[in-house]
Amino acid sequence: MSKREKAVQVTVDEQKLPNGETMSVLKIGKETIGTVQPLEGRFAAQLTDGDVYHVKTVDEGVEVLLRDYHLHRG
């Protein structure tokens, strides 16, 4: 038997860091699932549990965060 699909609202809020760069905060509903921020010419996608993934683009970072969310909580 297959699971019923659930509609999930994903939002990406951008926040300015003190050094002038922009950090993206990924939320599902009211729950923050992680952040994507610039790091040495690339990007770091950080989960709320502290795991960090180094990615090439912001979009790739968002995909990593969503994949982890669905794998462990979905």
PDB file of N, CA and C in Angstrom:
ATOM      1  N   MET A   1       0.841  -1.167   0.000  1.00  0.00           N
ATOM      2  CA  MET A   1       0.000   0.000   0.000  1.00  0.00           C
ATOM      3  C   MET A   1       0.895   1.241   0.000  1.00  0.00           C
ATOM      4  N   SER A   2       0.575   2.198  -0.827  1.00  0.00           N
ATOM      5  CA  SER A   2       1.403   3.396  -0.920  1.00  0.00           C
ATOM      6  C   SER A   2       0.930   4.464   0.066  1.00  0.00           C
ATOM      7  N   LYS A   3       1.861   5.337   0.388  1.00  0.00           N
ATOM      8  CA  LYS A   3       1.529   6.435   1.294  1.00  0.00           C
ATOM      9  C   LYS A   3       0.785   7.521   0.534  1.00  0.00           C
ATOM     10  N   ARG A   4      -0.070   8.199   1.226  1.00  0.00           N
ATOM     11  CA  ARG A   4      -0.779   9.329   0.641  1.00  0.00           C
ATOM     12  C   ARG A   4       0.174  10.519   0.574  1.00  0.00           C
ATOM     13  N   GLU A   5       0.140  11.241  -0.526  1.00  0.00           N
ATOM     14  CA  GLU A   5       1.002  12.410  -0.670  1.00  0.00           C
ATOM     15  C   GLU A   5       0.494  13.541   0.213  1.00  0.00           C
ATOM     16  N   LYS A   6       1.445  14.242   0.834  1.00  0.00           N
ATOM     17  CA  LYS A   6       1.104  15.376   1.674  1.00  0.00           C
ATOM     18  C   LYS A   6       1.642  16.645   1.029  1.00  0.00           C
ATOM     19  N   ALA A   7       0.843  17.686   1.035  1.00  0.00           N
ATOM     20  CA  ALA A   7       1.308  18.981   0.549  1.00  0.00           C
ATOM     21  C   ALA A   7       2.130  19.633   1.654  1.00  0.00           C
ATOM     22  N   VAL A   8       3.328  20.059   1.303  1.00  0.00           N
ATOM     23  CA  VAL A   8       4.232  20.660   2.274  1.00  0.00           C
ATOM     24  C   VAL A   8       4.642  22.029   1.754  1.00  0.00           C
ATOM     25  N   GLN A   9       4.560  23.036   2.609  1.00  0.00           N
ATOM     26  CA  GLN A   9       4.953  24.378   2.210  1.00  0.00           C
ATOM     27  C   GLN A   9       6.400  24.622   2.626  1.00  0.00           C
ATOM     28  N   VAL A  10       7.239  24.857   1.634  1.00  0.00           N
ATOM     29  CA  VAL A  10       8.655  25.114   1.871  1.00  0.00           C
ATOM     30  C   VAL A  10       8.924  26.592   1.602  1.00  0.00           C
ATOM     31  N   THR A  11       9.601  27.250   2.548  1.00  0.00           N
ATOM     32  CA  THR A  11       9.960  28.653   2.354  1.00  0.00           C
ATOM     33  C   THR A  11      11.464  28.827   2.544  1.00  0.00           C
ATOM     34  N   VAL A  12      12.008  29.756   1.785  1.00  0.00           N
ATOM     35  CA  VAL A  12      13.421  30.102   1.909  1.00  0.00           C
ATOM     36  C   VAL A  12      13.489  31.578   2.270  1.00  0.00           C
ATOM     37  N   ASP A  13      13.931  31.855   3.487  1.00  0.00           N
ATOM     38  CA  ASP A  13      14.089  33.233   3.950  1.00  0.00           C
ATOM     39  C   ASP A  13      15.560  33.606   3.836  1.00  0.00           C
ATOM     40  N   GLU A  14      15.818  34.799   3.343  1.00  0.00           N
ATOM     41  CA  GLU A  14      17.203  35.255   3.231  1.00  0.00           C
ATOM     42  C   GLU A  14      17.503  36.241   4.347  1.00  0.00           C
ATOM     43  N   GLN A  15      18.666  36.052   4.966  1.00  0.00           N
ATOM     44  CA  GLN A  15      19.108  36.931   6.044  1.00  0.00           C
ATOM     45  C   GLN A  15      20.504  37.437   5.715  1.00  0.00           C
ATOM     46  N   LYS A  16      20.744  38.700   6.019  1.00  0.00           N
ATOM     47  CA  LYS A  16      22.071  39.287   5.815  1.00  0.00           C
ATOM     48  C   LYS A  16      22.967  38.927   6.995  1.00  0.00           C
ATOM     49  N   LEU A  17      24.167  38.500   6.683  1.00  0.00           N
ATOM     50  CA  LEU A  17      25.160  38.213   7.711  1.00  0.00           C
ATOM     51  C   LEU A  17      25.948  39.488   8.007  1.00  0.00           C
ATOM     52  N   PRO A  18      26.599  39.572   9.161  1.00  0.00           N
ATOM     53  CA  PRO A  18      27.372  40.772   9.501  1.00  0.00           C
ATOM     54  C   PRO A  18      28.459  41.116   8.473  1.00  0.00           C
ATOM     55  N   ASN A  19      28.973  40.112   7.766  1.00  0.00           N
ATOM     56  CA  ASN A  19      30.021  40.369   6.777  1.00  0.00           C
ATOM     57  C   ASN A  19      29.456  40.797   5.421  1.00  0.00           C
ATOM     58  N   GLY A  20      28.135  40.978   5.324  1.00  0.00           N
ATOM     59  CA  GLY A  20      27.503  41.453   4.099  1.00  0.00           C
ATOM     60  C   GLY A  20      26.996  40.360   3.177  1.00  0.00           C
ATOM     61  N   GLU A  21      27.320  39.114   3.448  1.00  0.00           N
ATOM     62  CA  GLU A  21      26.848  38.012   2.615  1.00  0.00           C
ATOM     63  C   GLU A  21      25.429  37.616   3.031  1.00  0.00           C
ATOM     64  N   THR A  22      24.773  36.856   2.170  1.00  0.00           N
ATOM     65  CA  THR A  22      23.397  36.450   2.420  1.00  0.00           C
ATOM     66  C   THR A  22      23.338  34.973   2.791  1.00  0.00           C
ATOM     67  N   MET A  23      22.572  34.665   3.837  1.00  0.00           N
ATOM     68  CA  MET A  23      22.361  33.288   4.269  1.00  0.00           C
ATOM     69  C   MET A  23      20.905  32.932   4.001  1.00  0.00           C
ATOM     70  N   SER A  24      20.669  31.760   3.424  1.00  0.00           N
ATOM     71  CA  SER A  24      19.312  31.285   3.168  1.00  0.00           C
ATOM     72  C   SER A  24      18.899  30.333   4.284  1.00  0.00           C
ATOM     73  N   VAL A  25      17.727  30.580   4.859  1.00  0.00           N
ATOM     74  CA  VAL A  25      17.185  29.732   5.920  1.00  0.00           C
ATOM     75  C   VAL A  25      15.997  28.980   5.337  1.00  0.00           C
ATOM     76  N   LEU A  26      16.079  27.651   5.345  1.00  0.00           N
ATOM     77  CA  LEU A  26      15.041  26.810   4.756  1.00  0.00           C
ATOM     78  C   LEU A  26      14.081  26.343   5.842  1.00  0.00           C
ATOM     79  N   LYS A  27      12.775  26.573   5.616  1.00  0.00           N
ATOM     80  CA  LYS A  27      11.755  26.194   6.595  1.00  0.00           C
ATOM     81  C   LYS A  27      10.669  25.372   5.922  1.00  0.00           C
ATOM     82  N   ILE A  28      10.164  24.406   6.664  1.00  0.00           N
ATOM     83  CA  ILE A  28       8.986  23.652   6.252  1.00  0.00           C
ATOM     84  C   ILE A  28       7.942  23.925   7.324  1.00  0.00           C
ATOM     85  N   GLY A  29       6.902  24.629   6.918  1.00  0.00           N
ATOM     86  CA  GLY A  29       5.931  25.106   7.894  1.00  0.00           C
ATOM     87  C   GLY A  29       6.612  26.127   8.783  1.00  0.00           C
ATOM     88  N   LYS A  30       6.571  25.905  10.087  1.00  0.00           N
ATOM     89  CA  LYS A  30       7.244  26.803  11.030  1.00  0.00           C
ATOM     90  C   LYS A  30       8.593  26.256  11.481  1.00  0.00           C
ATOM     91  N   GLU A  31       8.927  25.047  11.041  1.00  0.00           N
ATOM     92  CA  GLU A  31      10.150  24.378  11.482  1.00  0.00           C
ATOM     93  C   GLU A  31      11.328  24.696  10.561  1.00  0.00           C
ATOM     94  N   THR A  32      12.408  25.198  11.133  1.00  0.00           N
ATOM     95  CA  THR A  32      13.631  25.434  10.370  1.00  0.00           C
ATOM     96  C   THR A  32      14.357  24.108  10.204  1.00  0.00           C
ATOM     97  N   ILE A  33      14.698  23.773   8.947  1.00  0.00           N
ATOM     98  CA  ILE A  33      15.390  22.502   8.723  1.00  0.00           C
ATOM     99  C   ILE A  33      16.864  22.685   8.405  1.00  0.00           C
ATOM    100  N   GLY A  34      17.286  23.917   8.114  1.00  0.00           N
ATOM    101  CA  GLY A  34      18.705  24.141   7.865  1.00  0.00           C
ATOM    102  C   GLY A  34      18.977  25.480   7.212  1.00  0.00           C
ATOM    103  N   THR A  35      20.271  25.717   6.964  1.00  0.00           N
ATOM    104  CA  THR A  35      20.701  26.965   6.338  1.00  0.00           C
ATOM    105  C   THR A  35      21.692  26.674   5.219  1.00  0.00           C
ATOM    106  N   VAL A  36      21.763  27.605   4.278  1.00  0.00           N
ATOM    107  CA  VAL A  36      22.768  27.551   3.219  1.00  0.00           C
ATOM    108  C   VAL A  36      23.463  28.902   3.219  1.00  0.00           C
ATOM    109  N   GLN A  37      24.794  28.872   3.376  1.00  0.00           N
ATOM    110  CA  GLN A  37      25.535  30.126   3.414  1.00  0.00           C
ATOM    111  C   GLN A  37      26.844  30.009   2.644  1.00  0.00           C
ATOM    112  N   PRO A  38      27.334  31.134   2.128  1.00  0.00           N
ATOM    113  CA  PRO A  38      28.588  31.118   1.370  1.00  0.00           C
ATOM    114  C   PRO A  38      29.768  30.720   2.258  1.00  0.00           C
ATOM    115  N   LEU A  39      30.701  29.967   1.655  1.00  0.00           N
ATOM    116  CA  LEU A  39      31.887  29.537   2.391  1.00  0.00           C
ATOM    117  C   LEU A  39      33.029  29.309   1.404  1.00  0.00           C
ATOM    118  N   GLU A  40      33.979  30.202   1.387  1.00  0.00           N
ATOM    119  CA  GLU A  40      35.192  30.066   0.569  1.00  0.00           C
ATOM    120  C   GLU A  40      34.902  29.775  -0.902  1.00  0.00           C
ATOM    121  N   GLY A  41      34.052  30.568  -1.522  1.00  0.00           N
ATOM    122  CA  GLY A  41      33.756  30.405  -2.939  1.00  0.00           C
ATOM    123  C   GLY A  41      32.742  29.326  -3.253  1.00  0.00           C
ATOM    124  N   ARG A  42      32.316  28.590  -2.277  1.00  0.00           N
ATOM    125  CA  ARG A  42      31.296  27.558  -2.432  1.00  0.00           C
ATOM    126  C   ARG A  42      30.197  27.855  -1.421  1.00  0.00           C
ATOM    127  N   PHE A  43      29.419  26.844  -1.082  1.00  0.00           N
ATOM    128  CA  PHE A  43      28.348  27.029  -0.111  1.00  0.00           C
ATOM    129  C   PHE A  43      28.352  25.882   0.887  1.00  0.00           C
ATOM    130  N   ALA A  44      27.889  26.177   2.093  1.00  0.00           N
ATOM    131  CA  ALA A  44      27.770  25.167   3.141  1.00  0.00           C
ATOM    132  C   ALA A  44      26.295  25.038   3.502  1.00  0.00           C
ATOM    133  N   ALA A  45      25.764  23.829   3.342  1.00  0.00           N
ATOM    134  CA  ALA A  45      24.389  23.539   3.743  1.00  0.00           C
ATOM    135  C   ALA A  45      24.462  22.875   5.108  1.00  0.00           C
ATOM    136  N   GLN A  46      23.888  23.531   6.114  1.00  0.00           N
ATOM    137  CA  GLN A  46      23.972  23.017   7.477  1.00  0.00           C
ATOM    138  C   GLN A  46      22.589  22.644   7.984  1.00  0.00           C
ATOM    139  N   LEU A  47      22.476  21.412   8.459  1.00  0.00           N
ATOM    140  CA  LEU A  47      21.234  20.931   9.049  1.00  0.00           C
ATOM    141  C   LEU A  47      21.120  21.437  10.477  1.00  0.00           C
ATOM    142  N   THR A  48      19.925  21.380  11.036  1.00  0.00           N
ATOM    143  CA  THR A  48      19.735  21.845  12.410  1.00  0.00           C
ATOM    144  C   THR A  48      20.454  20.960  13.425  1.00  0.00           C
ATOM    145  N   ASP A  49      20.768  19.717  13.047  1.00  0.00           N
ATOM    146  CA  ASP A  49      21.490  18.840  13.978  1.00  0.00           C
ATOM    147  C   ASP A  49      23.004  19.038  13.911  1.00  0.00           C
ATOM    148  N   GLY A  50      23.461  19.965  13.049  1.00  0.00           N
ATOM    149  CA  GLY A  50      24.877  20.300  12.994  1.00  0.00           C
ATOM    150  C   GLY A  50      25.644  19.713  11.826  1.00  0.00           C
ATOM    151  N   ASP A  51      25.062  18.762  11.097  1.00  0.00           N
ATOM    152  CA  ASP A  51      25.745  18.195   9.931  1.00  0.00           C
ATOM    153  C   ASP A  51      25.921  19.269   8.865  1.00  0.00           C
ATOM    154  N   VAL A  52      27.106  19.298   8.247  1.00  0.00           N
ATOM    155  CA  VAL A  52      27.408  20.293   7.218  1.00  0.00           C
ATOM    156  C   VAL A  52      27.781  19.580   5.930  1.00  0.00           C
ATOM    157  N   TYR A  53      27.193  20.025   4.821  1.00  0.00           N
ATOM    158  CA  TYR A  53      27.504  19.503   3.495  1.00  0.00           C
ATOM    159  C   TYR A  53      28.039  20.652   2.654  1.00  0.00           C
ATOM    160  N   HIS A  54      29.134  20.423   1.956  1.00  0.00           N
ATOM    161  CA  HIS A  54      29.713  21.446   1.085  1.00  0.00           C
ATOM    162  C   HIS A  54      29.176  21.222  -0.324  1.00  0.00           C
ATOM    163  N   VAL A  55      28.567  22.262  -0.884  1.00  0.00           N
ATOM    164  CA  VAL A  55      27.920  22.170  -2.190  1.00  0.00           C
ATOM    165  C   VAL A  55      28.395  23.313  -3.079  1.00  0.00           C
ATOM    166  N   LYS A  56      28.095  23.204  -4.380  1.00  0.00           N
ATOM    167  CA  LYS A  56      28.558  24.209  -5.336  1.00  0.00           C
ATOM    168  C   LYS A  56      27.607  25.391  -5.480  1.00  0.00           C
ATOM    169  N   THR A  57      26.296  25.153  -5.310  1.00  0.00           N
ATOM    170  CA  THR A  57      25.315  26.217  -5.503  1.00  0.00           C
ATOM    171  C   THR A  57      24.306  26.236  -4.361  1.00  0.00           C
ATOM    172  N   VAL A  58      23.584  27.339  -4.256  1.00  0.00           N
ATOM    173  CA  VAL A  58      22.521  27.449  -3.250  1.00  0.00           C
ATOM    174  C   VAL A  58      21.430  26.421  -3.542  1.00  0.00           C
ATOM    175  N   ASP A  59      21.079  26.269  -4.818  1.00  0.00           N
ATOM    176  CA  ASP A  59      20.038  25.307  -5.186  1.00  0.00           C
ATOM    177  C   ASP A  59      20.416  23.885  -4.773  1.00  0.00           C
ATOM    178  N   GLU A  60      21.668  23.529  -4.965  1.00  0.00           N
ATOM    179  CA  GLU A  60      22.131  22.206  -4.553  1.00  0.00           C
ATOM    180  C   GLU A  60      22.037  22.058  -3.032  1.00  0.00           C
ATOM    181  N   GLY A  61      22.338  23.122  -2.313  1.00  0.00           N
ATOM    182  CA  GLY A  61      22.225  23.098  -0.857  1.00  0.00           C
ATOM    183  C   GLY A  61      20.793  22.899  -0.399  1.00  0.00           C
ATOM    184  N   VAL A  62      19.862  23.574  -1.056  1.00  0.00           N
ATOM    185  CA  VAL A  62      18.440  23.415  -0.728  1.00  0.00           C
ATOM    186  C   VAL A  62      18.005  21.978  -1.000  1.00  0.00           C
ATOM    187  N   GLU A  63      18.446  21.408  -2.110  1.00  0.00           N
ATOM    188  CA  GLU A  63      18.103  20.018  -2.437  1.00  0.00           C
ATOM    189  C   GLU A  63      18.633  19.053  -1.380  1.00  0.00           C
ATOM    190  N   VAL A  64      19.854  19.280  -0.918  1.00  0.00           N
ATOM    191  CA  VAL A  64      20.449  18.417   0.107  1.00  0.00           C
ATOM    192  C   VAL A  64      19.628  18.491   1.401  1.00  0.00           C
ATOM    193  N   LEU A  65      19.250  19.692   1.795  1.00  0.00           N
ATOM    194  CA  LEU A  65      18.467  19.854   3.020  1.00  0.00           C
ATOM    195  C   LEU A  65      17.103  19.180   2.903  1.00  0.00           C
ATOM    196  N   LEU A  66      16.448  19.349   1.765  1.00  0.00           N
ATOM    197  CA  LEU A  66      15.139  18.715   1.566  1.00  0.00           C
ATOM    198  C   LEU A  66      15.256  17.193   1.525  1.00  0.00           C
ATOM    199  N   ARG A  67      16.287  16.702   0.863  1.00  0.00           N
ATOM    200  CA  ARG A  67      16.484  15.249   0.777  1.00  0.00           C
ATOM    201  C   ARG A  67      16.685  14.661   2.173  1.00  0.00           C
ATOM    202  N   ASP A  68      17.502  15.306   2.990  1.00  0.00           N
ATOM    203  CA  ASP A  68      17.730  14.824   4.351  1.00  0.00           C
ATOM    204  C   ASP A  68      16.447  14.887   5.172  1.00  0.00           C
ATOM    205  N   TYR A  69      15.686  15.953   5.015  1.00  0.00           N
ATOM    206  CA  TYR A  69      14.430  16.093   5.754  1.00  0.00           C
ATOM    207  C   TYR A  69      13.473  14.957   5.408  1.00  0.00           C
ATOM    208  N   HIS A  70      13.304  14.686   4.124  1.00  0.00           N
ATOM    209  CA  HIS A  70      12.378  13.635   3.703  1.00  0.00           C
ATOM    210  C   HIS A  70      12.881  12.244   4.068  1.00  0.00           C
ATOM    211  N   LEU A  71      14.186  12.062   4.084  1.00  0.00           N
ATOM    212  CA  LEU A  71      14.755  10.766   4.426  1.00  0.00           C
ATOM    213  C   LEU A  71      14.549  10.432   5.898  1.00  0.00           C
ATOM    214  N   HIS A  72      14.731  11.427   6.764  1.00  0.00           N
ATOM    215  CA  HIS A  72      14.698  11.161   8.200  1.00  0.00           C
ATOM    216  C   HIS A  72      13.399  11.541   8.893  1.00  0.00           C
ATOM    217  N   ARG A  73      12.615  12.422   8.290  1.00  0.00           N
ATOM    218  CA  ARG A  73      11.398  12.874   8.972  1.00  0.00           C
ATOM    219  C   ARG A  73      10.144  12.694   8.139  1.00  0.00           C
ATOM    220  N   GLY A  74      10.306  12.503   6.845  1.00  0.00           N
ATOM    221  CA  GLY A  74       9.162  12.449   5.937  1.00  0.00           C
ATOM    222  C   GLY A  74       8.449  11.185   6.045  1.00  0.00           C
TER     223      GLY A  74
END
